[in-house]
Amino acid sequence: MGELRLGDTAFDHDDRGRGPLVILVHGSAGDRRSWQGQTALLAGEFRVVDYSRRHHGANKPIDDGADYAMEEHVEDLIGIIESLDGGPAHLVGHSYGGYVSLMVALRRPDLIRSLVLIEPPVVPLYLSDPPNPTELVKLLATRPRTAAALIRFAATGLIPATKAARDDQMEKAMTRFGRAVLGPDAFERLSPERWQQALDNNIRAEYLGSGFPALDPRSLKEMDRPTLLVTGDRSPGVWTHLTARLDELLPKSTRATIADASHMVHEDNPQRFNDLVIEFLGRQR
């Protein structure tokens, strides 16, 4: 595999296959192991790089008191694409990793060939972090179902998980967050191995960090990279609403819903996801 390093930061990774570059960007409560259902198959047609993002997996843990900042993850991905000398790259990003991938495409479109985004948490398209009352009132008036889904997600997941993290009750934080993100049924079906991966990457600083950067709808309307937006048919409703808003804004987006899958779409139904991604990427050569 060789070493993947940016300055003093090393990234656990795998680099296999030949052809157009595809980079897999994992979400929260995970690391590059979450792509184990994709790497070997995709490497039959592409050069596939999966890596554990900063602070995740086998990488150096975050320092005490440091901010878990998305800006660092965006800059990391830009640096990784440049260092691999294989771009422009196709990015396949899940959840937090999907948001990171979208930010890279907005900032450095020259590095990107296409995007596959699995339920990125683009809440700033609707609300600031933290939200102000005027925004929430406007959203309730104009998009009541979206507002209800966001309020439910915050009340059942984000707020109690953040409180538990402040109290350093990390397994409780992960449980509350996981049930809201995946839905109770999908959360209960997590395998012991996947739950352990979540606990391995249950980073307290992420709950307490600086949150998501702003997204400008005007910039999204000008983003001309082909984008596949993927949702699971069993995902909590908040993900469908957020993905629909992205689809409204992106000029070259297509949407697909995968059966028998919740928020971890690529892990819940890898065969259907892989078929969809290979077909999409094949059209972007």
C-alpha atoms as a PDB file:
ATOM      1  CA  MET A   1       0.000   0.000   0.000  1.00  0.00           C
ATOM      2  CA  GLY A   2       2.825   2.417   0.730  1.00  0.00           C
ATOM      3  CA  GLU A   3       2.404   5.332   3.109  1.00  0.00           C
ATOM      4  CA  LEU A   4      -0.298   7.960   2.888  1.00  0.00           C
ATOM      5  CA  ARG A   5       0.913  10.982   4.790  1.00  0.00           C
ATOM      6  CA  LEU A   6       0.206  14.704   4.739  1.00  0.00           C
ATOM      7  CA  GLY A   7       2.844  16.561   6.728  1.00  0.00           C
ATOM      8  CA  ASP A   8       2.951  14.955  10.162  1.00  0.00           C
ATOM      9  CA  THR A   9      -0.395  13.166   9.740  1.00  0.00           C
ATOM     10  CA  ALA A  10      -0.481   9.548   8.562  1.00  0.00           C
ATOM     11  CA  PHE A  11      -3.665   7.874   7.311  1.00  0.00           C
ATOM     12  CA  ASP A  12      -4.462   4.190   7.527  1.00  0.00           C
ATOM     13  CA  HIS A  13      -5.513   3.256   3.993  1.00  0.00           C
ATOM     14  CA  ASP A  14      -5.706   0.731   1.202  1.00  0.00           C
ATOM     15  CA  ASP A  15      -4.874   1.410  -2.457  1.00  0.00           C
ATOM     16  CA  ARG A  16      -5.739  -1.276  -4.976  1.00  0.00           C
ATOM     17  CA  GLY A  17      -6.766  -1.793  -8.596  1.00  0.00           C
ATOM     18  CA  ARG A  18      -6.043   0.179 -11.748  1.00  0.00           C
ATOM     19  CA  GLY A  19      -7.998   2.712 -13.735  1.00  0.00           C
ATOM     20  CA  PRO A  20      -9.844   5.929 -12.855  1.00  0.00           C
ATOM     21  CA  LEU A  21      -9.337   6.946  -9.225  1.00  0.00           C
ATOM     22  CA  VAL A  22     -12.179   6.302  -6.786  1.00  0.00           C
ATOM     23  CA  ILE A  23     -11.818   7.453  -3.166  1.00  0.00           C
ATOM     24  CA  LEU A  24     -14.144   6.119  -0.470  1.00  0.00           C
ATOM     25  CA  VAL A  25     -14.842   8.543   2.390  1.00  0.00           C
ATOM     26  CA  HIS A  26     -16.468   7.025   5.483  1.00  0.00           C
ATOM     27  CA  GLY A  27     -18.902   8.631   7.892  1.00  0.00           C
ATOM     28  CA  SER A  28     -19.048   9.134  11.647  1.00  0.00           C
ATOM     29  CA  ALA A  29     -18.709   6.183  14.036  1.00  0.00           C
ATOM     30  CA  GLY A  30     -16.701   4.302  11.436  1.00  0.00           C
ATOM     31  CA  ASP A  31     -13.429   3.963   9.603  1.00  0.00           C
ATOM     32  CA  ARG A  32     -12.246   2.476   6.317  1.00  0.00           C
ATOM     33  CA  ARG A  33     -13.505  -0.947   7.424  1.00  0.00           C
ATOM     34  CA  SER A  34     -17.025   0.260   6.658  1.00  0.00           C
ATOM     35  CA  TRP A  35     -16.219  -0.103   2.930  1.00  0.00           C
ATOM     36  CA  GLN A  36     -15.191  -3.746   3.096  1.00  0.00           C
ATOM     37  CA  GLY A  37     -18.195  -4.679   0.959  1.00  0.00           C
ATOM     38  CA  GLN A  38     -17.059  -2.350  -1.835  1.00  0.00           C
ATOM     39  CA  THR A  39     -13.268  -2.224  -2.187  1.00  0.00           C
ATOM     40  CA  ALA A  40     -12.506  -5.570  -3.803  1.00  0.00           C
ATOM     41  CA  LEU A  41     -15.366  -5.383  -6.279  1.00  0.00           C
ATOM     42  CA  LEU A  42     -14.726  -1.782  -7.324  1.00  0.00           C
ATOM     43  CA  ALA A  43     -11.012  -2.499  -7.684  1.00  0.00           C
ATOM     44  CA  GLY A  44     -11.855  -4.805 -10.566  1.00  0.00           C
ATOM     45  CA  GLU A  45     -12.573  -1.716 -12.688  1.00  0.00           C
ATOM     46  CA  PHE A  46     -11.032   1.237 -10.849  1.00  0.00           C
ATOM     47  CA  ARG A  47      -8.133   2.314  -8.700  1.00  0.00           C
ATOM     48  CA  VAL A  48      -9.794   2.346  -5.302  1.00  0.00           C
ATOM     49  CA  VAL A  49      -8.449   4.136  -2.241  1.00  0.00           C
ATOM     50  CA  ASP A  50     -10.197   3.839   1.080  1.00  0.00           C
ATOM     51  CA  TYR A  51      -8.747   5.649   4.072  1.00  0.00           C
ATOM     52  CA  SER A  52      -9.623   6.260   7.686  1.00  0.00           C
ATOM     53  CA  ARG A  53     -10.206   9.945   8.202  1.00  0.00           C
ATOM     54  CA  ARG A  54      -8.167  11.938  10.687  1.00  0.00           C
ATOM     55  CA  HIS A  55      -8.625  10.648  14.287  1.00  0.00           C
ATOM     56  CA  HIS A  56     -10.456   7.493  13.102  1.00  0.00           C
ATOM     57  CA  GLY A  57      -9.493   3.840  12.943  1.00  0.00           C
ATOM     58  CA  ALA A  58      -5.821   3.067  13.415  1.00  0.00           C
ATOM     59  CA  ASN A  59      -4.834   6.727  13.049  1.00  0.00           C
ATOM     60  CA  LYS A  60      -3.574   8.908  15.879  1.00  0.00           C
ATOM     61  CA  PRO A  61      -6.452   9.824  18.234  1.00  0.00           C
ATOM     62  CA  ILE A  62      -7.504  13.424  18.579  1.00  0.00           C
ATOM     63  CA  ASP A  63      -5.644  15.410  21.227  1.00  0.00           C
ATOM     64  CA  ASP A  64      -7.469  16.315  24.416  1.00  0.00           C
ATOM     65  CA  GLY A  65      -9.220  19.647  24.026  1.00  0.00           C
ATOM     66  CA  ALA A  66      -8.753  19.800  20.234  1.00  0.00           C
ATOM     67  CA  ASP A  67     -11.624  20.749  17.942  1.00  0.00           C
ATOM     68  CA  TYR A  68     -13.041  18.060  15.672  1.00  0.00           C
ATOM     69  CA  ALA A  69     -13.331  20.386  12.683  1.00  0.00           C
ATOM     70  CA  MET A  70     -14.736  19.431   9.286  1.00  0.00           C
ATOM     71  CA  GLU A  71     -12.401  21.977   7.710  1.00  0.00           C
ATOM     72  CA  GLU A  72      -9.469  19.706   8.550  1.00  0.00           C
ATOM     73  CA  HIS A  73     -11.156  16.718   6.940  1.00  0.00           C
ATOM     74  CA  VAL A  74     -11.876  18.744   3.800  1.00  0.00           C
ATOM     75  CA  GLU A  75      -8.258  19.902   3.560  1.00  0.00           C
ATOM     76  CA  ASP A  76      -7.088  16.330   4.209  1.00  0.00           C
ATOM     77  CA  LEU A  77      -9.120  14.993   1.302  1.00  0.00           C
ATOM     78  CA  ILE A  78      -7.880  17.720  -1.026  1.00  0.00           C
ATOM     79  CA  GLY A  79      -4.310  16.883  -0.031  1.00  0.00           C
ATOM     80  CA  ILE A  80      -4.889  13.157  -0.463  1.00  0.00           C
ATOM     81  CA  ILE A  81      -6.255  13.574  -3.999  1.00  0.00           C
ATOM     82  CA  GLU A  82      -3.295  15.769  -4.923  1.00  0.00           C
ATOM     83  CA  SER A  83      -0.788  13.350  -3.388  1.00  0.00           C
ATOM     84  CA  LEU A  84      -2.187  10.323  -5.220  1.00  0.00           C
ATOM     85  CA  ASP A  85      -1.496  11.901  -8.614  1.00  0.00           C
ATOM     86  CA  GLY A  86      -4.499  10.121 -10.068  1.00  0.00           C
ATOM     87  CA  GLY A  87      -7.124  12.807 -10.269  1.00  0.00           C
ATOM     88  CA  PRO A  88      -9.591  14.050 -11.059  1.00  0.00           C
ATOM     89  CA  ALA A  89     -11.188  11.555  -8.693  1.00  0.00           C
ATOM     90  CA  HIS A  90     -14.592  10.019  -8.229  1.00  0.00           C
ATOM     91  CA  LEU A  91     -15.593  10.496  -4.581  1.00  0.00           C
ATOM     92  CA  VAL A  92     -17.958   8.104  -2.814  1.00  0.00           C
ATOM     93  CA  GLY A  93     -18.885   9.603   0.552  1.00  0.00           C
ATOM     94  CA  HIS A  94     -21.153   8.338   3.304  1.00  0.00           C
ATOM     95  CA  SER A  95     -22.909  10.687   5.744  1.00  0.00           C
ATOM     96  CA  TYR A  96     -20.236  12.970   7.302  1.00  0.00           C
ATOM     97  CA  GLY A  97     -17.887  11.765   4.572  1.00  0.00           C
ATOM     98  CA  GLY A  98     -20.487  12.758   1.994  1.00  0.00           C
ATOM     99  CA  TYR A  99     -20.553  16.293   3.388  1.00  0.00           C
ATOM    100  CA  VAL A 100     -16.741  16.388   3.271  1.00  0.00           C
ATOM    101  CA  SER A 101     -16.795  15.171  -0.331  1.00  0.00           C
ATOM    102  CA  LEU A 102     -19.368  17.797  -1.313  1.00  0.00           C
ATOM    103  CA  MET A 103     -17.275  20.559   0.257  1.00  0.00           C
ATOM    104  CA  VAL A 104     -14.199  19.398  -1.680  1.00  0.00           C
ATOM    105  CA  ALA A 105     -16.168  19.446  -4.940  1.00  0.00           C
ATOM    106  CA  LEU A 106     -17.361  22.993  -4.243  1.00  0.00           C
ATOM    107  CA  ARG A 107     -13.908  24.216  -3.306  1.00  0.00           C
ATOM    108  CA  ARG A 108     -11.780  22.315  -5.819  1.00  0.00           C
ATOM    109  CA  PRO A 109     -13.923  21.132  -8.731  1.00  0.00           C
ATOM    110  CA  ASP A 110     -10.757  20.604 -10.768  1.00  0.00           C
ATOM    111  CA  LEU A 111      -9.962  17.610  -8.550  1.00  0.00           C
ATOM    112  CA  ILE A 112     -13.368  15.946  -8.927  1.00  0.00           C
ATOM    113  CA  ARG A 113     -14.811  13.854 -11.734  1.00  0.00           C
ATOM    114  CA  SER A 114     -18.069  12.822 -10.040  1.00  0.00           C
ATOM    115  CA  LEU A 115     -19.707  12.327  -6.651  1.00  0.00           C
ATOM    116  CA  VAL A 116     -21.704   9.554  -5.011  1.00  0.00           C
ATOM    117  CA  LEU A 117     -23.230  10.916  -1.806  1.00  0.00           C
ATOM    118  CA  ILE A 118     -25.001   8.653   0.680  1.00  0.00           C
ATOM    119  CA  GLU A 119     -27.341  10.690   2.887  1.00  0.00           C
ATOM    120  CA  PRO A 120     -25.016  13.602   3.729  1.00  0.00           C
ATOM    121  CA  PRO A 121     -26.206  15.628   6.755  1.00  0.00           C
ATOM    122  CA  VAL A 122     -26.641  18.934   4.917  1.00  0.00           C
ATOM    123  CA  VAL A 123     -28.651  20.517   7.745  1.00  0.00           C
ATOM    124  CA  PRO A 124     -27.055  23.965   7.134  1.00  0.00           C
ATOM    125  CA  LEU A 125     -29.123  24.217   3.948  1.00  0.00           C
ATOM    126  CA  TYR A 126     -32.007  24.887   6.333  1.00  0.00           C
ATOM    127  CA  LEU A 127     -30.629  25.905   9.713  1.00  0.00           C
ATOM    128  CA  SER A 128     -27.569  27.555  11.209  1.00  0.00           C
ATOM    129  CA  ASP A 129     -25.506  25.775  13.847  1.00  0.00           C
ATOM    130  CA  PRO A 130     -26.921  26.487  16.386  1.00  0.00           C
ATOM    131  CA  PRO A 131     -30.272  27.308  14.724  1.00  0.00           C
ATOM    132  CA  ASN A 132     -31.899  30.650  15.348  1.00  0.00           C
ATOM    133  CA  PRO A 133     -35.637  30.914  16.072  1.00  0.00           C
ATOM    134  CA  THR A 134     -36.407  32.919  12.917  1.00  0.00           C
ATOM    135  CA  GLU A 135     -35.005  30.171  10.689  1.00  0.00           C
ATOM    136  CA  LEU A 136     -37.004  27.519  12.490  1.00  0.00           C
ATOM    137  CA  VAL A 137     -40.271  29.488  12.259  1.00  0.00           C
ATOM    138  CA  LYS A 138     -39.698  30.046   8.536  1.00  0.00           C
ATOM    139  CA  LEU A 139     -38.951  26.370   7.978  1.00  0.00           C
ATOM    140  CA  LEU A 140     -42.076  25.320   9.885  1.00  0.00           C
ATOM    141  CA  ALA A 141     -44.138  27.615   7.672  1.00  0.00           C
ATOM    142  CA  THR A 142     -42.589  26.650   4.332  1.00  0.00           C
ATOM    143  CA  ARG A 143     -41.526  23.010   4.789  1.00  0.00           C
ATOM    144  CA  PRO A 144     -43.375  21.651   7.829  1.00  0.00           C
ATOM    145  CA  ARG A 145     -42.517  17.984   7.219  1.00  0.00           C
ATOM    146  CA  THR A 146     -38.814  18.782   6.887  1.00  0.00           C
ATOM    147  CA  ALA A 147     -38.960  20.936  10.019  1.00  0.00           C
ATOM    148  CA  ALA A 148     -40.695  18.142  11.954  1.00  0.00           C
ATOM    149  CA  ALA A 149     -38.078  15.603  10.845  1.00  0.00           C
ATOM    150  CA  LEU A 150     -35.190  17.877  11.859  1.00  0.00           C
ATOM    151  CA  ILE A 151     -36.774  18.670  15.233  1.00  0.00           C
ATOM    152  CA  ARG A 152     -37.350  14.969  15.886  1.00  0.00           C
ATOM    153  CA  PHE A 153     -33.773  14.114  14.944  1.00  0.00           C
ATOM    154  CA  ALA A 154     -32.382  16.816  17.231  1.00  0.00           C
ATOM    155  CA  ALA A 155     -34.681  15.978  20.144  1.00  0.00           C
ATOM    156  CA  THR A 156     -34.188  12.208  20.055  1.00  0.00           C
ATOM    157  CA  GLY A 157     -30.586  12.015  18.896  1.00  0.00           C
ATOM    158  CA  LEU A 158     -28.335  15.031  18.627  1.00  0.00           C
ATOM    159  CA  ILE A 159     -29.281  16.867  21.823  1.00  0.00           C
ATOM    160  CA  PRO A 160     -29.258  13.869  24.209  1.00  0.00           C
ATOM    161  CA  ALA A 161     -26.134  12.435  22.568  1.00  0.00           C
ATOM    162  CA  THR A 162     -24.303  15.739  22.980  1.00  0.00           C
ATOM    163  CA  LYS A 163     -25.370  15.949  26.623  1.00  0.00           C
ATOM    164  CA  ALA A 164     -24.143  12.405  27.265  1.00  0.00           C
ATOM    165  CA  ALA A 165     -20.824  13.238  25.603  1.00  0.00           C
ATOM    166  CA  ARG A 166     -20.426  16.329  27.791  1.00  0.00           C
ATOM    167  CA  ASP A 167     -20.945  14.045  30.782  1.00  0.00           C
ATOM    168  CA  ASP A 168     -18.377  11.642  29.289  1.00  0.00           C
ATOM    169  CA  GLN A 169     -20.972   8.875  28.996  1.00  0.00           C
ATOM    170  CA  MET A 170     -19.798   7.801  25.572  1.00  0.00           C
ATOM    171  CA  GLU A 171     -21.624   4.505  25.103  1.00  0.00           C
ATOM    172  CA  LYS A 172     -24.854   6.273  26.022  1.00  0.00           C
ATOM    173  CA  ALA A 173     -24.008   9.034  23.522  1.00  0.00           C
ATOM    174  CA  MET A 174     -23.407   6.487  20.775  1.00  0.00           C
ATOM    175  CA  THR A 175     -26.629   4.646  21.574  1.00  0.00           C
ATOM    176  CA  ARG A 176     -28.806   7.762  21.443  1.00  0.00           C
ATOM    177  CA  PHE A 177     -27.087   9.049  18.324  1.00  0.00           C
ATOM    178  CA  GLY A 178     -27.143   5.671  16.588  1.00  0.00           C
ATOM    179  CA  ARG A 179     -30.845   5.087  17.189  1.00  0.00           C
ATOM    180  CA  ALA A 180     -31.705   8.507  15.735  1.00  0.00           C
ATOM    181  CA  VAL A 181     -29.395   8.194  12.736  1.00  0.00           C
ATOM    182  CA  LEU A 182     -30.249   4.614  11.770  1.00  0.00           C
ATOM    183  CA  GLY A 183     -33.720   4.215  13.197  1.00  0.00           C
ATOM    184  CA  PRO A 184     -34.417   1.923  16.170  1.00  0.00           C
ATOM    185  CA  ASP A 185     -34.901  -1.257  14.120  1.00  0.00           C
ATOM    186  CA  ALA A 186     -31.697  -0.843  12.090  1.00  0.00           C
ATOM    187  CA  PHE A 187     -29.787   0.047  15.234  1.00  0.00           C
ATOM    188  CA  GLU A 188     -30.935  -3.126  16.953  1.00  0.00           C
ATOM    189  CA  ARG A 189     -29.783  -5.178  13.948  1.00  0.00           C
ATOM    190  CA  LEU A 190     -26.174  -3.954  14.129  1.00  0.00           C
ATOM    191  CA  SER A 191     -23.765  -6.876  14.270  1.00  0.00           C
ATOM    192  CA  PRO A 192     -21.391  -7.113  17.247  1.00  0.00           C
ATOM    193  CA  GLU A 193     -18.503  -6.361  14.879  1.00  0.00           C
ATOM    194  CA  ARG A 194     -20.151  -3.212  13.489  1.00  0.00           C
ATOM    195  CA  TRP A 195     -21.122  -2.022  16.978  1.00  0.00           C
ATOM    196  CA  GLN A 196     -17.507  -2.450  18.040  1.00  0.00           C
ATOM    197  CA  GLN A 197     -16.353  -0.408  15.044  1.00  0.00           C
ATOM    198  CA  ALA A 198     -18.797   2.315  16.083  1.00  0.00           C
ATOM    199  CA  LEU A 199     -17.467   2.283  19.640  1.00  0.00           C
ATOM    200  CA  ASP A 200     -13.874   2.333  18.341  1.00  0.00           C
ATOM    201  CA  ASN A 201     -14.746   5.569  16.526  1.00  0.00           C
ATOM    202  CA  ASN A 202     -17.075   7.113  19.100  1.00  0.00           C
ATOM    203  CA  ILE A 203     -15.073  10.337  19.311  1.00  0.00           C
ATOM    204  CA  ARG A 204     -16.171  12.647  22.112  1.00  0.00           C
ATOM    205  CA  ALA A 205     -14.757  15.725  20.391  1.00  0.00           C
ATOM    206  CA  GLU A 206     -17.018  15.163  17.390  1.00  0.00           C
ATOM    207  CA  TYR A 207     -20.134  15.660  19.506  1.00  0.00           C
ATOM    208  CA  LEU A 208     -18.653  18.775  21.107  1.00  0.00           C
ATOM    209  CA  GLY A 209     -16.839  20.220  18.071  1.00  0.00           C
ATOM    210  CA  SER A 210     -17.460  23.193  15.806  1.00  0.00           C
ATOM    211  CA  GLY A 211     -20.065  21.435  13.663  1.00  0.00           C
ATOM    212  CA  PHE A 212     -20.711  21.774   9.965  1.00  0.00           C
ATOM    213  CA  PRO A 213     -19.602  24.663   7.740  1.00  0.00           C
ATOM    214  CA  ALA A 214     -22.236  26.717   5.968  1.00  0.00           C
ATOM    215  CA  LEU A 215     -23.525  25.674   2.550  1.00  0.00           C
ATOM    216  CA  ASP A 216     -24.430  28.327  -0.004  1.00  0.00           C
ATOM    217  CA  PRO A 217     -27.365  27.201  -2.176  1.00  0.00           C
ATOM    218  CA  ARG A 218     -26.107  29.434  -4.992  1.00  0.00           C
ATOM    219  CA  SER A 219     -22.800  27.570  -5.075  1.00  0.00           C
ATOM    220  CA  LEU A 220     -24.602  24.241  -5.202  1.00  0.00           C
ATOM    221  CA  LYS A 221     -26.657  25.424  -8.183  1.00  0.00           C
ATOM    222  CA  GLU A 222     -23.397  26.153 -10.012  1.00  0.00           C
ATOM    223  CA  MET A 223     -21.725  22.837  -9.141  1.00  0.00           C
ATOM    224  CA  ASP A 224     -21.562  20.958 -12.436  1.00  0.00           C
ATOM    225  CA  ARG A 225     -20.078  17.608 -11.414  1.00  0.00           C
ATOM    226  CA  PRO A 226     -22.337  14.583 -12.003  1.00  0.00           C
ATOM    227  CA  THR A 227     -23.714  13.493  -8.636  1.00  0.00           C
ATOM    228  CA  LEU A 228     -25.550  10.366  -7.569  1.00  0.00           C
ATOM    229  CA  LEU A 229     -27.603  10.865  -4.404  1.00  0.00           C
ATOM    230  CA  VAL A 230     -28.342   7.622  -2.575  1.00  0.00           C
ATOM    231  CA  THR A 231     -30.841   6.979   0.217  1.00  0.00           C
ATOM    232  CA  GLY A 232     -32.103   3.858   1.961  1.00  0.00           C
ATOM    233  CA  ASP A 233     -35.786   3.025   1.939  1.00  0.00           C
ATOM    234  CA  ARG A 234     -35.674   2.282   5.687  1.00  0.00           C
ATOM    235  CA  SER A 235     -33.757   5.408   6.695  1.00  0.00           C
ATOM    236  CA  PRO A 236     -35.315   7.907   9.110  1.00  0.00           C
ATOM    237  CA  GLY A 237     -37.226  10.579   7.235  1.00  0.00           C
ATOM    238  CA  VAL A 238     -34.721  13.342   7.944  1.00  0.00           C
ATOM    239  CA  TRP A 239     -32.327  11.819   5.410  1.00  0.00           C
ATOM    240  CA  THR A 240     -34.924  11.768   2.654  1.00  0.00           C
ATOM    241  CA  HIS A 241     -35.763  15.434   3.220  1.00  0.00           C
ATOM    242  CA  LEU A 242     -32.129  16.537   3.233  1.00  0.00           C
ATOM    243  CA  THR A 243     -31.318  14.524   0.116  1.00  0.00           C
ATOM    244  CA  ALA A 244     -34.355  15.901  -1.697  1.00  0.00           C
ATOM    245  CA  ARG A 245     -33.152  19.441  -1.023  1.00  0.00           C
ATOM    246  CA  LEU A 246     -29.735  18.634  -2.468  1.00  0.00           C
ATOM    247  CA  ASP A 247     -31.407  17.148  -5.523  1.00  0.00           C
ATOM    248  CA  GLU A 248     -33.368  20.372  -6.015  1.00  0.00           C
ATOM    249  CA  LEU A 249     -30.191  22.428  -6.003  1.00  0.00           C
ATOM    250  CA  LEU A 250     -27.582  20.354  -7.851  1.00  0.00           C
ATOM    251  CA  PRO A 251     -27.920  20.730 -11.631  1.00  0.00           C
ATOM    252  CA  LYS A 252     -26.430  17.329 -12.519  1.00  0.00           C
ATOM    253  CA  SER A 253     -27.845  15.119  -9.809  1.00  0.00           C
ATOM    254  CA  THR A 254     -29.757  11.859  -9.971  1.00  0.00           C
ATOM    255  CA  ARG A 255     -31.408  10.082  -7.057  1.00  0.00           C
ATOM    256  CA  ALA A 256     -31.668   6.426  -6.178  1.00  0.00           C
ATOM    257  CA  THR A 257     -33.342   4.696  -3.255  1.00  0.00           C
ATOM    258  CA  ILE A 258     -31.999   1.303  -2.241  1.00  0.00           C
ATOM    259  CA  ALA A 259     -34.313  -1.325  -0.809  1.00  0.00           C
ATOM    260  CA  ASP A 260     -33.726  -3.060   2.510  1.00  0.00           C
ATOM    261  CA  ALA A 261     -31.298  -0.379   3.669  1.00  0.00           C
ATOM    262  CA  SER A 262     -31.156   2.253   6.363  1.00  0.00           C
ATOM    263  CA  HIS A 263     -28.593   5.043   6.733  1.00  0.00           C
ATOM    264  CA  MET A 264     -25.615   2.712   6.270  1.00  0.00           C
ATOM    265  CA  VAL A 265     -26.870   1.945   2.779  1.00  0.00           C
ATOM    266  CA  HIS A 266     -23.632   0.488   1.409  1.00  0.00           C
ATOM    267  CA  GLU A 267     -23.345  -1.874   4.372  1.00  0.00           C
ATOM    268  CA  ASP A 268     -27.004  -2.874   4.553  1.00  0.00           C
ATOM    269  CA  ASN A 269     -27.396  -3.765   0.868  1.00  0.00           C
ATOM    270  CA  PRO A 270     -23.896  -3.884  -0.641  1.00  0.00           C
ATOM    271  CA  GLN A 271     -24.851  -5.812  -3.775  1.00  0.00           C
ATOM    272  CA  ARG A 272     -27.464  -3.312  -4.937  1.00  0.00           C
ATOM    273  CA  PHE A 273     -25.307  -0.372  -3.915  1.00  0.00           C
ATOM    274  CA  ASN A 274     -22.274  -1.726  -5.753  1.00  0.00           C
ATOM    275  CA  ASP A 275     -24.258  -2.394  -8.931  1.00  0.00           C
ATOM    276  CA  LEU A 276     -25.633   1.147  -8.836  1.00  0.00           C
ATOM    277  CA  VAL A 277     -22.236   2.759  -8.254  1.00  0.00           C
ATOM    278  CA  ILE A 278     -20.446   0.741 -10.932  1.00  0.00           C
ATOM    279  CA  GLU A 279     -23.157   1.675 -13.442  1.00  0.00           C
ATOM    280  CA  PHE A 280     -22.967   5.355 -12.483  1.00  0.00           C
ATOM    281  CA  LEU A 281     -19.183   5.560 -12.506  1.00  0.00           C
ATOM    282  CA  GLY A 282     -19.050   3.712 -15.807  1.00  0.00           C
ATOM    283  CA  ARG A 283     -21.038   6.538 -17.400  1.00  0.00           C
ATOM    284  CA  GLN A 284     -18.528   9.141 -16.148  1.00  0.00           C
ATOM    285  CA  ARG A 285     -15.382   7.732 -17.787  1.00  0.00           C
END
